[in-house]
ModelCIF file with pLDDT and N, C-alpha, C, O atoms, coordinates in Angstrom:
data_MODEL
#
_entry.id   MODEL 
#
_entity.id                         1 
_entity.type                       polymer 
_entity.pdbx_number_of_molecules   1 
#
_entity_poly.entity_id                      1 
_entity_poly.type                           'polypeptide(L)' 
_entity_poly.nstd_linkage                   no 
_entity_poly.nstd_monomer                   no 
_entity_poly.pdbx_seq_one_letter_code       SEADFAPTLMSWPNPIGTAYAKKGINKGHTISN 
_entity_poly.pdbx_seq_one_letter_code_can   SEADFAPTLMSWPNPIGTAYAKKGINKGHTISN 
_entity_poly.pdbx_strand_id                 A 
#
loop_
_entity_poly_seq.entity_id 
_entity_poly_seq.num 
_entity_poly_seq.mon_id 
_entity_poly_seq.hetero 
1 1  SER n 
1 2  GLU n 
1 3  ALA n 
1 4  ASP n 
1 5  PHE n 
1 6  ALA n 
1 7  PRO n 
1 8  THR n 
1 9  LEU n 
1 10 MET n 
1 11 SER n 
1 12 TRP n 
1 13 PRO n 
1 14 ASN n 
1 15 PRO n 
1 16 ILE n 
1 17 GLY n 
1 18 THR n 
1 19 ALA n 
1 20 TYR n 
1 21 ALA n 
1 22 LYS n 
1 23 LYS n 
1 24 GLY n 
1 25 ILE n 
1 26 ASN n 
1 27 LYS n 
1 28 GLY n 
1 29 HIS n 
1 30 THR n 
1 31 ILE n 
1 32 SER n 
1 33 ASN n 
#
_struct_asym.id          A 
_struct_asym.entity_id   1 
#
loop_
_ma_qa_metric.id 
_ma_qa_metric.mode 
_ma_qa_metric.name 
_ma_qa_metric.software_group_id 
_ma_qa_metric.type 
1 global pLDDT . pLDDT 
2 local  pLDDT . pLDDT 
#
_ma_qa_metric_global.metric_id      1 
_ma_qa_metric_global.metric_value   68.33 
_ma_qa_metric_global.model_id       1 
_ma_qa_metric_global.ordinal_id     1 
#
loop_
_ma_qa_metric_local.label_asym_id 
_ma_qa_metric_local.label_comp_id 
_ma_qa_metric_local.label_seq_id 
_ma_qa_metric_local.metric_id 
_ma_qa_metric_local.metric_value 
_ma_qa_metric_local.model_id 
_ma_qa_metric_local.ordinal_id 
A SER 1  2 73.00 1 1  
A GLU 2  2 65.00 1 2  
A ALA 3  2 63.00 1 3  
A ASP 4  2 55.00 1 4  
A PHE 5  2 48.00 1 5  
A ALA 6  2 50.00 1 6  
A PRO 7  2 47.00 1 7  
A THR 8  2 46.00 1 8  
A LEU 9  2 46.00 1 9  
A MET 10 2 50.00 1 10 
A SER 11 2 52.00 1 11 
A TRP 12 2 52.00 1 12 
A PRO 13 2 53.00 1 13 
A ASN 14 2 56.00 1 14 
A PRO 15 2 55.00 1 15 
A ILE 16 2 59.00 1 16 
A GLY 17 2 63.00 1 17 
A THR 18 2 75.00 1 18 
A ALA 19 2 80.00 1 19 
A TYR 20 2 79.00 1 20 
A ALA 21 2 77.00 1 21 
A LYS 22 2 79.00 1 22 
A LYS 23 2 85.00 1 23 
A GLY 24 2 83.00 1 24 
A ILE 25 2 81.00 1 25 
A ASN 26 2 86.00 1 26 
A LYS 27 2 91.00 1 27 
A GLY 28 2 88.00 1 28 
A HIS 29 2 87.00 1 29 
A THR 30 2 83.00 1 30 
A ILE 31 2 81.00 1 31 
A SER 32 2 84.00 1 32 
A ASN 33 2 83.00 1 33 
#
loop_
_atom_site.group_PDB 
_atom_site.id 
_atom_site.type_symbol 
_atom_site.label_atom_id 
_atom_site.label_alt_id 
_atom_site.label_comp_id 
_atom_site.label_asym_id 
_atom_site.label_entity_id 
_atom_site.label_seq_id 
_atom_site.pdbx_PDB_ins_code 
_atom_site.Cartn_x 
_atom_site.Cartn_y 
_atom_site.Cartn_z 
_atom_site.occupancy 
_atom_site.B_iso_or_equiv 
_atom_site.pdbx_formal_charge 
_atom_site.auth_seq_id 
_atom_site.auth_comp_id 
_atom_site.auth_asym_id 
_atom_site.auth_atom_id 
_atom_site.pdbx_PDB_model_num 
ATOM 1   N N  . SER A 1 1  ? 116.518 97.281  48.643 1.00 73.00 ? 1  SER A N  1 
ATOM 2   C CA . SER A 1 1  ? 115.551 97.109  49.737 1.00 73.00 ? 1  SER A CA 1 
ATOM 3   C C  . SER A 1 1  ? 115.556 98.364  50.559 1.00 73.00 ? 1  SER A C  1 
ATOM 4   O O  . SER A 1 1  ? 116.598 98.974  50.801 1.00 73.00 ? 1  SER A O  1 
ATOM 5   N N  . GLU A 1 2  ? 114.335 98.751  50.997 1.00 65.00 ? 2  GLU A N  1 
ATOM 6   C CA . GLU A 1 2  ? 114.282 99.870  51.826 1.00 65.00 ? 2  GLU A CA 1 
ATOM 7   C C  . GLU A 1 2  ? 113.187 99.563  52.844 1.00 65.00 ? 2  GLU A C  1 
ATOM 8   O O  . GLU A 1 2  ? 112.011 99.442  52.501 1.00 65.00 ? 2  GLU A O  1 
ATOM 9   N N  . ALA A 1 3  ? 113.591 99.445  54.060 1.00 63.00 ? 3  ALA A N  1 
ATOM 10  C CA . ALA A 1 3  ? 112.586 98.979  55.125 1.00 63.00 ? 3  ALA A CA 1 
ATOM 11  C C  . ALA A 1 3  ? 112.994 99.522  56.470 1.00 63.00 ? 3  ALA A C  1 
ATOM 12  O O  . ALA A 1 3  ? 114.132 99.927  56.708 1.00 63.00 ? 3  ALA A O  1 
ATOM 13  N N  . ASP A 1 4  ? 112.029 99.509  57.312 1.00 55.00 ? 4  ASP A N  1 
ATOM 14  C CA . ASP A 1 4  ? 112.319 99.851  58.653 1.00 55.00 ? 4  ASP A CA 1 
ATOM 15  C C  . ASP A 1 4  ? 113.085 98.649  59.277 1.00 55.00 ? 4  ASP A C  1 
ATOM 16  O O  . ASP A 1 4  ? 113.159 97.580  58.672 1.00 55.00 ? 4  ASP A O  1 
ATOM 17  N N  . PHE A 1 5  ? 113.618 98.830  60.421 1.00 48.00 ? 5  PHE A N  1 
ATOM 18  C CA . PHE A 1 5  ? 114.455 97.847  61.072 1.00 48.00 ? 5  PHE A CA 1 
ATOM 19  C C  . PHE A 1 5  ? 113.706 96.468  61.150 1.00 48.00 ? 5  PHE A C  1 
ATOM 20  O O  . PHE A 1 5  ? 112.572 96.363  61.616 1.00 48.00 ? 5  PHE A O  1 
ATOM 21  N N  . ALA A 1 6  ? 114.413 95.463  60.674 1.00 50.00 ? 6  ALA A N  1 
ATOM 22  C CA . ALA A 1 6  ? 113.944 94.072  60.782 1.00 50.00 ? 6  ALA A CA 1 
ATOM 23  C C  . ALA A 1 6  ? 115.251 93.244  60.896 1.00 50.00 ? 6  ALA A C  1 
ATOM 24  O O  . ALA A 1 6  ? 116.121 93.333  60.029 1.00 50.00 ? 6  ALA A O  1 
ATOM 25  N N  . PRO A 1 7  ? 115.374 92.445  61.968 1.00 47.00 ? 7  PRO A N  1 
ATOM 26  C CA . PRO A 1 7  ? 116.624 91.667  62.110 1.00 47.00 ? 7  PRO A CA 1 
ATOM 27  C C  . PRO A 1 7  ? 117.010 90.819  60.895 1.00 47.00 ? 7  PRO A C  1 
ATOM 28  O O  . PRO A 1 7  ? 118.197 90.575  60.679 1.00 47.00 ? 7  PRO A O  1 
ATOM 29  N N  . THR A 1 8  ? 116.024 90.358  60.087 1.00 46.00 ? 8  THR A N  1 
ATOM 30  C CA . THR A 1 8  ? 116.355 89.505  58.975 1.00 46.00 ? 8  THR A CA 1 
ATOM 31  C C  . THR A 1 8  ? 117.017 90.319  57.874 1.00 46.00 ? 8  THR A C  1 
ATOM 32  O O  . THR A 1 8  ? 117.604 89.722  56.971 1.00 46.00 ? 8  THR A O  1 
ATOM 33  N N  . LEU A 1 9  ? 116.956 91.635  57.894 1.00 46.00 ? 9  LEU A N  1 
ATOM 34  C CA . LEU A 1 9  ? 117.550 92.443  56.860 1.00 46.00 ? 9  LEU A CA 1 
ATOM 35  C C  . LEU A 1 9  ? 118.980 92.868  57.160 1.00 46.00 ? 9  LEU A C  1 
ATOM 36  O O  . LEU A 1 9  ? 119.656 93.441  56.305 1.00 46.00 ? 9  LEU A O  1 
ATOM 37  N N  . MET A 1 10 ? 119.419 92.599  58.323 1.00 50.00 ? 10 MET A N  1 
ATOM 38  C CA . MET A 1 10 ? 120.752 93.044  58.715 1.00 50.00 ? 10 MET A CA 1 
ATOM 39  C C  . MET A 1 10 ? 121.839 92.102  58.154 1.00 50.00 ? 10 MET A C  1 
ATOM 40  O O  . MET A 1 10 ? 121.655 90.890  58.042 1.00 50.00 ? 10 MET A O  1 
ATOM 41  N N  . SER A 1 11 ? 122.950 92.712  57.818 1.00 52.00 ? 11 SER A N  1 
ATOM 42  C CA . SER A 1 11 ? 124.015 91.963  57.188 1.00 52.00 ? 11 SER A CA 1 
ATOM 43  C C  . SER A 1 11 ? 125.220 91.720  58.143 1.00 52.00 ? 11 SER A C  1 
ATOM 44  O O  . SER A 1 11 ? 126.264 91.232  57.709 1.00 52.00 ? 11 SER A O  1 
ATOM 45  N N  . TRP A 1 12 ? 125.069 92.051  59.388 1.00 52.00 ? 12 TRP A N  1 
ATOM 46  C CA . TRP A 1 12 ? 126.155 91.738  60.302 1.00 52.00 ? 12 TRP A CA 1 
ATOM 47  C C  . TRP A 1 12 ? 125.578 91.269  61.634 1.00 52.00 ? 12 TRP A C  1 
ATOM 48  O O  . TRP A 1 12 ? 124.419 91.578  61.914 1.00 52.00 ? 12 TRP A O  1 
ATOM 49  N N  . PRO A 1 13 ? 126.319 90.538  62.476 1.00 53.00 ? 13 PRO A N  1 
ATOM 50  C CA . PRO A 1 13 ? 125.777 90.007  63.634 1.00 53.00 ? 13 PRO A CA 1 
ATOM 51  C C  . PRO A 1 13 ? 125.353 91.081  64.650 1.00 53.00 ? 13 PRO A C  1 
ATOM 52  O O  . PRO A 1 13 ? 126.091 92.043  64.863 1.00 53.00 ? 13 PRO A O  1 
ATOM 53  N N  . ASN A 1 14 ? 124.210 90.936  65.262 1.00 56.00 ? 14 ASN A N  1 
ATOM 54  C CA . ASN A 1 14 ? 123.736 91.720  66.382 1.00 56.00 ? 14 ASN A CA 1 
ATOM 55  C C  . ASN A 1 14 ? 123.825 93.182  66.206 1.00 56.00 ? 14 ASN A C  1 
ATOM 56  O O  . ASN A 1 14 ? 124.412 93.846  67.060 1.00 56.00 ? 14 ASN A O  1 
ATOM 57  N N  . PRO A 1 15 ? 123.265 93.771  65.116 1.00 55.00 ? 15 PRO A N  1 
ATOM 58  C CA . PRO A 1 15 ? 123.353 95.266  64.949 1.00 55.00 ? 15 PRO A CA 1 
ATOM 59  C C  . PRO A 1 15 ? 122.543 95.989  66.019 1.00 55.00 ? 15 PRO A C  1 
ATOM 60  O O  . PRO A 1 15 ? 122.838 97.135  66.359 1.00 55.00 ? 15 PRO A O  1 
ATOM 61  N N  . ILE A 1 16 ? 121.513 95.312  66.555 1.00 59.00 ? 16 ILE A N  1 
ATOM 62  C CA . ILE A 1 16 ? 120.737 95.948  67.610 1.00 59.00 ? 16 ILE A CA 1 
ATOM 63  C C  . ILE A 1 16 ? 121.596 96.140  68.884 1.00 59.00 ? 16 ILE A C  1 
ATOM 64  O O  . ILE A 1 16 ? 121.262 96.955  69.745 1.00 59.00 ? 16 ILE A O  1 
ATOM 65  N N  . GLY A 1 17 ? 122.681 95.395  68.986 1.00 63.00 ? 17 GLY A N  1 
ATOM 66  C CA . GLY A 1 17 ? 123.516 95.503  70.140 1.00 63.00 ? 17 GLY A CA 1 
ATOM 67  C C  . GLY A 1 17 ? 124.545 96.633  70.075 1.00 63.00 ? 17 GLY A C  1 
ATOM 68  O O  . GLY A 1 17 ? 125.335 96.814  71.002 1.00 63.00 ? 17 GLY A O  1 
ATOM 69  N N  . THR A 1 18 ? 124.531 97.395  68.973 1.00 75.00 ? 18 THR A N  1 
ATOM 70  C CA . THR A 1 18 ? 125.510 98.514  68.843 1.00 75.00 ? 18 THR A CA 1 
ATOM 71  C C  . THR A 1 18 ? 125.049 99.654  69.810 1.00 75.00 ? 18 THR A C  1 
ATOM 72  O O  . THR A 1 18 ? 123.867 99.810  70.117 1.00 75.00 ? 18 THR A O  1 
ATOM 73  N N  . ALA A 1 19 ? 126.017 100.397 70.245 1.00 80.00 ? 19 ALA A N  1 
ATOM 74  C CA . ALA A 1 19 ? 125.663 101.572 71.129 1.00 80.00 ? 19 ALA A CA 1 
ATOM 75  C C  . ALA A 1 19 ? 124.764 102.557 70.383 1.00 80.00 ? 19 ALA A C  1 
ATOM 76  O O  . ALA A 1 19 ? 123.825 103.097 70.970 1.00 80.00 ? 19 ALA A O  1 
ATOM 77  N N  . TYR A 1 20 ? 125.035 102.797 69.105 1.00 79.00 ? 20 TYR A N  1 
ATOM 78  C CA . TYR A 1 20 ? 124.233 103.721 68.352 1.00 79.00 ? 20 TYR A CA 1 
ATOM 79  C C  . TYR A 1 20 ? 122.815 103.273 68.162 1.00 79.00 ? 20 TYR A C  1 
ATOM 80  O O  . TYR A 1 20 ? 121.882 104.069 68.262 1.00 79.00 ? 20 TYR A O  1 
ATOM 81  N N  . ALA A 1 21 ? 122.647 101.998 67.888 1.00 77.00 ? 21 ALA A N  1 
ATOM 82  C CA . ALA A 1 21 ? 121.248 101.434 67.724 1.00 77.00 ? 21 ALA A CA 1 
ATOM 83  C C  . ALA A 1 21 ? 120.486 101.511 69.004 1.00 77.00 ? 21 ALA A C  1 
ATOM 84  O O  . ALA A 1 21 ? 119.314 101.888 69.027 1.00 77.00 ? 21 ALA A O  1 
ATOM 85  N N  . LYS A 1 22 ? 121.159 101.147 70.086 1.00 79.00 ? 22 LYS A N  1 
ATOM 86  C CA . LYS A 1 22 ? 120.524 101.180 71.411 1.00 79.00 ? 22 LYS A CA 1 
ATOM 87  C C  . LYS A 1 22 ? 120.060 102.602 71.791 1.00 79.00 ? 22 LYS A C  1 
ATOM 88  O O  . LYS A 1 22 ? 118.961 102.801 72.310 1.00 79.00 ? 22 LYS A O  1 
ATOM 89  N N  . LYS A 1 23 ? 120.918 103.555 71.519 1.00 85.00 ? 23 LYS A N  1 
ATOM 90  C CA . LYS A 1 23 ? 120.673 104.961 71.797 1.00 85.00 ? 23 LYS A CA 1 
ATOM 91  C C  . LYS A 1 23 ? 119.467 105.481 71.030 1.00 85.00 ? 23 LYS A C  1 
ATOM 92  O O  . LYS A 1 23 ? 118.609 106.173 71.576 1.00 85.00 ? 23 LYS A O  1 
ATOM 93  N N  . GLY A 1 24 ? 119.425 105.126 69.735 1.00 83.00 ? 24 GLY A N  1 
ATOM 94  C CA . GLY A 1 24 ? 118.315 105.598 68.891 1.00 83.00 ? 24 GLY A CA 1 
ATOM 95  C C  . GLY A 1 24 ? 117.012 104.899 69.334 1.00 83.00 ? 24 GLY A C  1 
ATOM 96  O O  . GLY A 1 24 ? 115.981 105.564 69.434 1.00 83.00 ? 24 GLY A O  1 
ATOM 97  N N  . ILE A 1 25 ? 117.027 103.635 69.592 1.00 81.00 ? 25 ILE A N  1 
ATOM 98  C CA . ILE A 1 25 ? 115.834 102.905 70.000 1.00 81.00 ? 25 ILE A CA 1 
ATOM 99  C C  . ILE A 1 25 ? 115.368 103.448 71.300 1.00 81.00 ? 25 ILE A C  1 
ATOM 100 O O  . ILE A 1 25 ? 114.162 103.628 71.470 1.00 81.00 ? 25 ILE A O  1 
ATOM 101 N N  . ASN A 1 26 ? 116.250 103.730 72.251 1.00 86.00 ? 26 ASN A N  1 
ATOM 102 C CA . ASN A 1 26 ? 115.898 104.287 73.546 1.00 86.00 ? 26 ASN A CA 1 
ATOM 103 C C  . ASN A 1 26 ? 115.229 105.695 73.408 1.00 86.00 ? 26 ASN A C  1 
ATOM 104 O O  . ASN A 1 26 ? 114.439 106.107 74.258 1.00 86.00 ? 26 ASN A O  1 
ATOM 105 N N  . LYS A 1 27 ? 115.567 106.387 72.339 1.00 91.00 ? 27 LYS A N  1 
ATOM 106 C CA . LYS A 1 27 ? 114.974 107.708 72.097 1.00 91.00 ? 27 LYS A CA 1 
ATOM 107 C C  . LYS A 1 27 ? 113.667 107.587 71.307 1.00 91.00 ? 27 LYS A C  1 
ATOM 108 O O  . LYS A 1 27 ? 113.021 108.600 71.039 1.00 91.00 ? 27 LYS A O  1 
ATOM 109 N N  . GLY A 1 28 ? 113.262 106.360 70.928 1.00 88.00 ? 28 GLY A N  1 
ATOM 110 C CA . GLY A 1 28 ? 112.019 106.133 70.170 1.00 88.00 ? 28 GLY A CA 1 
ATOM 111 C C  . GLY A 1 28 ? 112.182 106.359 68.725 1.00 88.00 ? 28 GLY A C  1 
ATOM 112 O O  . GLY A 1 28 ? 111.180 106.532 68.032 1.00 88.00 ? 28 GLY A O  1 
ATOM 113 N N  . HIS A 1 29 ? 113.440 106.373 68.180 1.00 87.00 ? 29 HIS A N  1 
ATOM 114 C CA . HIS A 1 29 ? 113.694 106.628 66.754 1.00 87.00 ? 29 HIS A CA 1 
ATOM 115 C C  . HIS A 1 29 ? 113.398 105.291 65.997 1.00 87.00 ? 29 HIS A C  1 
ATOM 116 O O  . HIS A 1 29 ? 113.556 104.178 66.499 1.00 87.00 ? 29 HIS A O  1 
ATOM 117 N N  . THR A 1 30 ? 112.960 105.529 64.756 1.00 83.00 ? 30 THR A N  1 
ATOM 118 C CA . THR A 1 30 ? 112.838 104.376 63.811 1.00 83.00 ? 30 THR A CA 1 
ATOM 119 C C  . THR A 1 30 ? 114.156 104.053 63.211 1.00 83.00 ? 30 THR A C  1 
ATOM 120 O O  . THR A 1 30 ? 114.881 104.968 62.821 1.00 83.00 ? 30 THR A O  1 
ATOM 121 N N  . ILE A 1 31 ? 114.509 102.816 63.112 1.00 81.00 ? 31 ILE A N  1 
ATOM 122 C CA . ILE A 1 31 ? 115.768 102.399 62.467 1.00 81.00 ? 31 ILE A CA 1 
ATOM 123 C C  . ILE A 1 31 ? 115.477 102.171 60.985 1.00 81.00 ? 31 ILE A C  1 
ATOM 124 O O  . ILE A 1 31 ? 114.678 101.295 60.654 1.00 81.00 ? 31 ILE A O  1 
ATOM 125 N N  . SER A 1 32 ? 116.094 102.921 60.096 1.00 84.00 ? 32 SER A N  1 
ATOM 126 C CA . SER A 1 32 ? 115.935 102.714 58.657 1.00 84.00 ? 32 SER A CA 1 
ATOM 127 C C  . SER A 1 32 ? 117.126 102.016 58.065 1.00 84.00 ? 32 SER A C  1 
ATOM 128 O O  . SER A 1 32 ? 118.282 102.390 58.261 1.00 84.00 ? 32 SER A O  1 
ATOM 129 N N  . ASN A 1 33 ? 116.783 100.980 57.331 1.00 83.00 ? 33 ASN A N  1 
ATOM 130 C CA . ASN A 1 33 ? 117.798 100.154 56.687 1.00 83.00 ? 33 ASN A CA 1 
ATOM 131 C C  . ASN A 1 33 ? 117.640 100.405 55.156 1.00 83.00 ? 33 ASN A C  1 
ATOM 132 O O  . ASN A 1 33 ? 118.379 99.829  54.356 1.00 83.00 ? 33 ASN A O  1 
#
C-alpha cells in the first residue's frame, strides 16, 4: 500500500498524536504512509 495519510491505514494507536506528525502537519507537509 502506498497512500497519503489516512487514519485507517495506520497500524498503531493515534499516530497523528506523535510530536513528529504534529510538527509535519503544522508545517503543511503531506504524511506519506
